[in-house]
PDB file of N, CA and C in Angstrom:
ATOM      1  N   UNK A   1     191.849 -55.927  12.493  1.00  0.00           N
ATOM      2  CA  UNK A   1     192.301 -57.297  12.612  1.00  0.00           C
ATOM      3  C   UNK A   1     193.823 -57.345  12.756  1.00  0.00           C
ATOM      4  N   UNK A   2     194.536 -56.707  11.842  1.00  0.00           N
ATOM      5  CA  UNK A   2     195.993 -56.736  11.910  1.00  0.00           C
ATOM      6  C   UNK A   2     196.511 -55.963  13.119  1.00  0.00           C
ATOM      7  N   UNK A   3     195.826 -54.898  13.479  1.00  0.00           N
ATOM      8  CA  UNK A   3     196.243 -54.128  14.649  1.00  0.00           C
ATOM      9  C   UNK A   3     196.107 -54.954  15.922  1.00  0.00           C
ATOM     10  N   UNK A   4     195.054 -55.739  16.017  1.00  0.00           N
ATOM     11  CA  UNK A   4     194.868 -56.594  17.194  1.00  0.00           C
ATOM     12  C   UNK A   4     195.962 -57.657  17.262  1.00  0.00           C
ATOM     13  N   UNK A   5     196.316 -58.230  16.117  1.00  0.00           N
ATOM     14  CA  UNK A   5     197.407 -59.205  16.100  1.00  0.00           C
ATOM     15  C   UNK A   5     198.738 -58.551  16.468  1.00  0.00           C
ATOM     16  N   UNK A   6     198.966 -57.357  15.962  1.00  0.00           N
ATOM     17  CA  UNK A   6     200.211 -56.636  16.247  1.00  0.00           C
ATOM     18  C   UNK A   6     200.326 -56.327  17.737  1.00  0.00           C
ATOM     19  N   UNK A   7     199.216 -55.912  18.349  1.00  0.00           N
ATOM     20  CA  UNK A   7     199.236 -55.609  19.786  1.00  0.00           C
ATOM     21  C   UNK A   7     199.413 -56.870  20.627  1.00  0.00           C
ATOM     22  N   UNK A   8     198.971 -58.015  20.124  1.00  0.00           N
ATOM     23  CA  UNK A   8     199.072 -59.264  20.887  1.00  0.00           C
ATOM     24  C   UNK A   8     200.498 -59.818  20.900  1.00  0.00           C
ATOM     25  N   UNK A   9     201.321 -59.416  19.951  1.00  0.00           N
ATOM     26  CA  UNK A   9     202.699 -59.907  19.899  1.00  0.00           C
ATOM     27  C   UNK A   9     203.538 -59.240  20.987  1.00  0.00           C
ATOM     28  N   UNK A  10     204.445 -60.006  21.603  1.00  0.00           N
ATOM     29  CA  UNK A  10     205.274 -59.430  22.669  1.00  0.00           C
ATOM     30  C   UNK A  10     206.466 -58.653  22.114  1.00  0.00           C
ATOM     31  N   UNK A  11     206.971 -57.733  22.926  1.00  0.00           N
ATOM     32  CA  UNK A  11     208.211 -57.046  22.602  1.00  0.00           C
ATOM     33  C   UNK A  11     208.029 -55.727  21.880  1.00  0.00           C
ATOM     34  N   UNK A  12     209.157 -55.060  21.606  1.00  0.00           N
ATOM     35  CA  UNK A  12     209.127 -53.806  20.851  1.00  0.00           C
ATOM     36  C   UNK A  12     208.809 -54.069  19.378  1.00  0.00           C
ATOM     37  N   UNK A  13     208.697 -52.991  18.615  1.00  0.00           N
ATOM     38  CA  UNK A  13     208.246 -53.119  17.228  1.00  0.00           C
ATOM     39  C   UNK A  13     209.166 -53.986  16.387  1.00  0.00           C
ATOM     40  N   UNK A  14     210.484 -53.909  16.635  1.00  0.00           N
ATOM     41  CA  UNK A  14     211.409 -54.682  15.809  1.00  0.00           C
ATOM     42  C   UNK A  14     211.322 -56.176  16.112  1.00  0.00           C
ATOM     43  N   UNK A  15     211.008 -56.545  17.356  1.00  0.00           N
ATOM     44  CA  UNK A  15     210.805 -57.959  17.694  1.00  0.00           C
ATOM     45  C   UNK A  15     209.518 -58.455  17.048  1.00  0.00           C
ATOM     46  N   UNK A  16     208.487 -57.624  17.088  1.00  0.00           N
ATOM     47  CA  UNK A  16     207.219 -57.976  16.443  1.00  0.00           C
ATOM     48  C   UNK A  16     207.416 -58.182  14.943  1.00  0.00           C
ATOM     49  N   UNK A  17     208.218 -57.321  14.338  1.00  0.00           N
ATOM     50  CA  UNK A  17     208.487 -57.432  12.909  1.00  0.00           C
ATOM     51  C   UNK A  17     209.210 -58.740  12.585  1.00  0.00           C
ATOM     52  N   UNK A  18     210.178 -59.098  13.399  1.00  0.00           N
ATOM     53  CA  UNK A  18     210.897 -60.361  13.188  1.00  0.00           C
ATOM     54  C   UNK A  18     209.951 -61.546  13.336  1.00  0.00           C
ATOM     55  N   UNK A  19     209.083 -61.517  14.336  1.00  0.00           N
ATOM     56  CA  UNK A  19     208.116 -62.601  14.543  1.00  0.00           C
ATOM     57  C   UNK A  19     207.187 -62.721  13.346  1.00  0.00           C
ATOM     58  N   UNK A  20     206.701 -61.598  12.848  1.00  0.00           N
ATOM     59  CA  UNK A  20     205.793 -61.613  11.699  1.00  0.00           C
ATOM     60  C   UNK A  20     206.510 -62.141  10.457  1.00  0.00           C
ATOM     61  N   UNK A  21     207.743 -61.713  10.216  1.00  0.00           N
ATOM     62  CA  UNK A  21     208.494 -62.193   9.052  1.00  0.00           C
ATOM     63  C   UNK A  21     208.763 -63.692   9.135  1.00  0.00           C
ATOM     64  N   UNK A  22     209.117 -64.177  10.311  1.00  0.00           N
ATOM     65  CA  UNK A  22     209.342 -65.618  10.484  1.00  0.00           C
ATOM     66  C   UNK A  22     208.047 -66.385  10.249  1.00  0.00           C
ATOM     67  N   UNK A  23     206.932 -65.858  10.744  1.00  0.00           N
ATOM     68  CA  UNK A  23     205.639 -66.522  10.538  1.00  0.00           C
ATOM     69  C   UNK A  23     205.266 -66.548   9.057  1.00  0.00           C
ATOM     70  N   UNK A  24     205.488 -65.450   8.343  1.00  0.00           N
ATOM     71  CA  UNK A  24     205.172 -65.410   6.914  1.00  0.00           C
ATOM     72  C   UNK A  24     206.035 -66.382   6.116  1.00  0.00           C
ATOM     73  N   UNK A  25     207.310 -66.450   6.434  1.00  0.00           N
ATOM     74  CA  UNK A  25     208.195 -67.397   5.750  1.00  0.00           C
ATOM     75  C   UNK A  25     207.765 -68.828   6.058  1.00  0.00           C
ATOM     76  N   UNK A  26     207.382 -69.092   7.301  1.00  0.00           N
ATOM     77  CA  UNK A  26     206.916 -70.424   7.676  1.00  0.00           C
ATOM     78  C   UNK A  26     205.648 -70.823   6.950  1.00  0.00           C
ATOM     79  N   UNK A  27     204.712 -69.895   6.837  1.00  0.00           N
ATOM     80  CA  UNK A  27     203.469 -70.168   6.109  1.00  0.00           C
ATOM     81  C   UNK A  27     203.762 -70.418   4.637  1.00  0.00           C
ATOM     82  N   UNK A  28     204.632 -69.612   4.052  1.00  0.00           N
ATOM     83  CA  UNK A  28     205.006 -69.788   2.649  1.00  0.00           C
ATOM     84  C   UNK A  28     205.625 -71.165   2.414  1.00  0.00           C
ATOM     85  N   UNK A  29     206.570 -71.550   3.268  1.00  0.00           N
ATOM     86  CA  UNK A  29     207.219 -72.853   3.111  1.00  0.00           C
ATOM     87  C   UNK A  29     206.236 -74.000   3.316  1.00  0.00           C
ATOM     88  N   UNK A  30     205.334 -73.861   4.270  1.00  0.00           N
ATOM     89  CA  UNK A  30     204.322 -74.890   4.495  1.00  0.00           C
ATOM     90  C   UNK A  30     203.446 -75.066   3.262  1.00  0.00           C
ATOM     91  N   UNK A  31     203.034 -73.953   2.663  1.00  0.00           N
ATOM     92  CA  UNK A  31     202.217 -74.037   1.454  1.00  0.00           C
ATOM     93  C   UNK A  31     202.984 -74.680   0.306  1.00  0.00           C
ATOM     94  N   UNK A  32     204.233 -74.262   0.094  1.00  0.00           N
ATOM     95  CA  UNK A  32     205.006 -74.762  -1.040  1.00  0.00           C
ATOM     96  C   UNK A  32     205.429 -76.218  -0.891  1.00  0.00           C
ATOM     97  N   UNK A  33     205.710 -76.651   0.311  1.00  0.00           N
ATOM     98  CA  UNK A  33     206.243 -77.996   0.523  1.00  0.00           C
ATOM     99  C   UNK A  33     205.178 -79.036   0.849  1.00  0.00           C
ATOM    100  N   UNK A  34     204.034 -78.614   1.409  1.00  0.00           N
ATOM    101  CA  UNK A  34     203.039 -79.585   1.857  1.00  0.00           C
ATOM    102  C   UNK A  34     201.712 -79.429   1.123  1.00  0.00           C
ATOM    103  N   UNK A  35     201.142 -78.241   1.187  1.00  0.00           N
ATOM    104  CA  UNK A  35     199.771 -78.045   0.704  1.00  0.00           C
ATOM    105  C   UNK A  35     199.692 -78.118  -0.815  1.00  0.00           C
ATOM    106  N   UNK A  36     200.483 -77.320  -1.522  1.00  0.00           N
ATOM    107  CA  UNK A  36     200.381 -77.285  -2.981  1.00  0.00           C
ATOM    108  C   UNK A  36     200.721 -78.619  -3.642  1.00  0.00           C
ATOM    109  N   UNK A  37     201.747 -79.351  -3.187  1.00  0.00           N
ATOM    110  CA  UNK A  37     201.975 -80.674  -3.792  1.00  0.00           C
ATOM    111  C   UNK A  37     200.823 -81.658  -3.559  1.00  0.00           C
ATOM    112  N   UNK A  38     200.119 -81.533  -2.442  1.00  0.00           N
ATOM    113  CA  UNK A  38     198.992 -82.431  -2.173  1.00  0.00           C
ATOM    114  C   UNK A  38     197.807 -82.134  -3.081  1.00  0.00           C
ATOM    115  N   UNK A  39     197.525 -80.840  -3.320  1.00  0.00           N
ATOM    116  CA  UNK A  39     196.349 -80.499  -4.127  1.00  0.00           C
ATOM    117  C   UNK A  39     196.669 -80.371  -5.610  1.00  0.00           C
ATOM    118  N   UNK A  40     197.943 -80.384  -5.979  1.00  0.00           N
ATOM    119  CA  UNK A  40     198.346 -80.247  -7.378  1.00  0.00           C
ATOM    120  C   UNK A  40     197.704 -81.249  -8.316  1.00  0.00           C
ATOM    121  N   UNK A  41     197.705 -82.538  -7.988  1.00  0.00           N
ATOM    122  CA  UNK A  41     197.089 -83.516  -8.896  1.00  0.00           C
ATOM    123  C   UNK A  41     195.581 -83.343  -9.071  1.00  0.00           C
ATOM    124  N   UNK A  42     194.934 -82.654  -8.165  1.00  0.00           N
ATOM    125  CA  UNK A  42     193.487 -82.449  -8.257  1.00  0.00           C
ATOM    126  C   UNK A  42     193.108 -81.256  -9.133  1.00  0.00           C
ATOM    127  N   UNK A  43     194.086 -80.449  -9.523  1.00  0.00           N
ATOM    128  CA  UNK A  43     193.811 -79.274 -10.333  1.00  0.00           C
ATOM    129  C   UNK A  43     193.601 -79.666 -11.789  1.00  0.00           C
ATOM    130  N   UNK A  44     192.685 -78.986 -12.495  1.00  0.00           N
ATOM    131  CA  UNK A  44     192.373 -79.369 -13.875  1.00  0.00           C
ATOM    132  C   UNK A  44     193.461 -79.006 -14.881  1.00  0.00           C
ATOM    133  N   UNK A  45     194.361 -78.117 -14.554  1.00  0.00           N
ATOM    134  CA  UNK A  45     195.358 -77.656 -15.519  1.00  0.00           C
ATOM    135  C   UNK A  45     196.712 -78.336 -15.319  1.00  0.00           C
ATOM    136  N   UNK A  46     196.736 -79.554 -14.782  1.00  0.00           N
ATOM    137  CA  UNK A  46     198.013 -80.231 -14.549  1.00  0.00           C
ATOM    138  C   UNK A  46     198.601 -80.834 -15.812  1.00  0.00           C
ATOM    139  N   UNK A  47     197.817 -81.031 -16.844  1.00  0.00           N
ATOM    140  CA  UNK A  47     198.322 -81.656 -18.064  1.00  0.00           C
ATOM    141  C   UNK A  47     198.472 -80.622 -19.173  1.00  0.00           C
ATOM    142  N   UNK A  48     199.386 -79.706 -18.975  1.00  0.00           N
ATOM    143  CA  UNK A  48     199.657 -78.691 -19.986  1.00  0.00           C
ATOM    144  C   UNK A  48     200.996 -78.993 -20.631  1.00  0.00           C
ATOM    145  N   UNK A  49     201.147 -78.580 -21.853  1.00  0.00           N
ATOM    146  CA  UNK A  49     202.401 -78.811 -22.551  1.00  0.00           C
ATOM    147  C   UNK A  49     202.512 -77.886 -23.737  1.00  0.00           C
ATOM    148  N   UNK A  50     203.689 -77.831 -24.289  1.00  0.00           N
ATOM    149  CA  UNK A  50     203.943 -77.002 -25.453  1.00  0.00           C
ATOM    150  C   UNK A  50     203.858 -77.891 -26.686  1.00  0.00           C
ATOM    151  N   UNK A  51     203.061 -77.469 -27.659  1.00  0.00           N
ATOM    152  CA  UNK A  51     202.922 -78.224 -28.896  1.00  0.00           C
ATOM    153  C   UNK A  51     203.647 -77.486 -30.006  1.00  0.00           C
ATOM    154  N   UNK A  52     204.039 -78.229 -31.015  1.00  0.00           N
ATOM    155  CA  UNK A  52     204.719 -77.587 -32.131  1.00  0.00           C
ATOM    156  C   UNK A  52     203.708 -76.794 -32.951  1.00  0.00           C
ATOM    157  N   UNK A  53     204.185 -75.809 -33.673  1.00  0.00           N
ATOM    158  CA  UNK A  53     203.304 -74.976 -34.490  1.00  0.00           C
ATOM    159  C   UNK A  53     202.685 -75.782 -35.627  1.00  0.00           C
ATOM    160  N   UNK A  54     203.360 -76.804 -36.122  1.00  0.00           N
ATOM    161  CA  UNK A  54     202.809 -77.631 -37.198  1.00  0.00           C
ATOM    162  C   UNK A  54     201.557 -78.349 -36.718  1.00  0.00           C
ATOM    163  N   UNK A  55     201.577 -78.837 -35.485  1.00  0.00           N
ATOM    164  CA  UNK A  55     200.421 -79.524 -34.928  1.00  0.00           C
ATOM    165  C   UNK A  55     199.258 -78.552 -34.739  1.00  0.00           C
ATOM    166  N   UNK A  56     199.554 -77.369 -34.241  1.00  0.00           N
ATOM    167  CA  UNK A  56     198.509 -76.371 -34.018  1.00  0.00           C
ATOM    168  C   UNK A  56     197.936 -75.913 -35.349  1.00  0.00           C
ATOM    169  N   UNK A  57     198.777 -75.692 -36.355  1.00  0.00           N
ATOM    170  CA  UNK A  57     198.308 -75.256 -37.673  1.00  0.00           C
ATOM    171  C   UNK A  57     197.433 -76.322 -38.321  1.00  0.00           C
ATOM    172  N   UNK A  58     197.796 -77.579 -38.182  1.00  0.00           N
ATOM    173  CA  UNK A  58     197.018 -78.669 -38.778  1.00  0.00           C
ATOM    174  C   UNK A  58     195.652 -78.791 -38.122  1.00  0.00           C
ATOM    175  N   UNK A  59     195.552 -78.448 -36.875  1.00  0.00           N
ATOM    176  CA  UNK A  59     194.271 -78.541 -36.177  1.00  0.00           C
ATOM    177  C   UNK A  59     193.280 -77.513 -36.698  1.00  0.00           C
ATOM    178  N   UNK A  60     193.737 -76.325 -37.010  1.00  0.00           N
ATOM    179  CA  UNK A  60     192.835 -75.236 -37.359  1.00  0.00           C
ATOM    180  C   UNK A  60     192.671 -75.033 -38.858  1.00  0.00           C
ATOM    181  N   UNK A  61     193.266 -75.849 -39.690  1.00  0.00           N
ATOM    182  CA  UNK A  61     193.121 -75.705 -41.143  1.00  0.00           C
ATOM    183  C   UNK A  61     191.977 -76.532 -41.660  1.00  0.00           C
TER     184      UNK A  61
END
C-alpha cells in the first residue's frame, strides 16, 4: 500500500519525502483544528476534574 503511494508521487525521493511530510502535517492540523473539537463534546470523558483528597477520603470511609 505505502509502496504504491510512494511510486505514485512525482519527483525524486527527496521531493516525495517533502510531499509526504507536508501531507502528514496537513492531516494532523486538520484533525486538531476541525475534527477533534467537533467530536470532543460527544466523548464520555469530557467531564473530568481533580478532586481534593478530603473529598475522595470521605467517599470511601
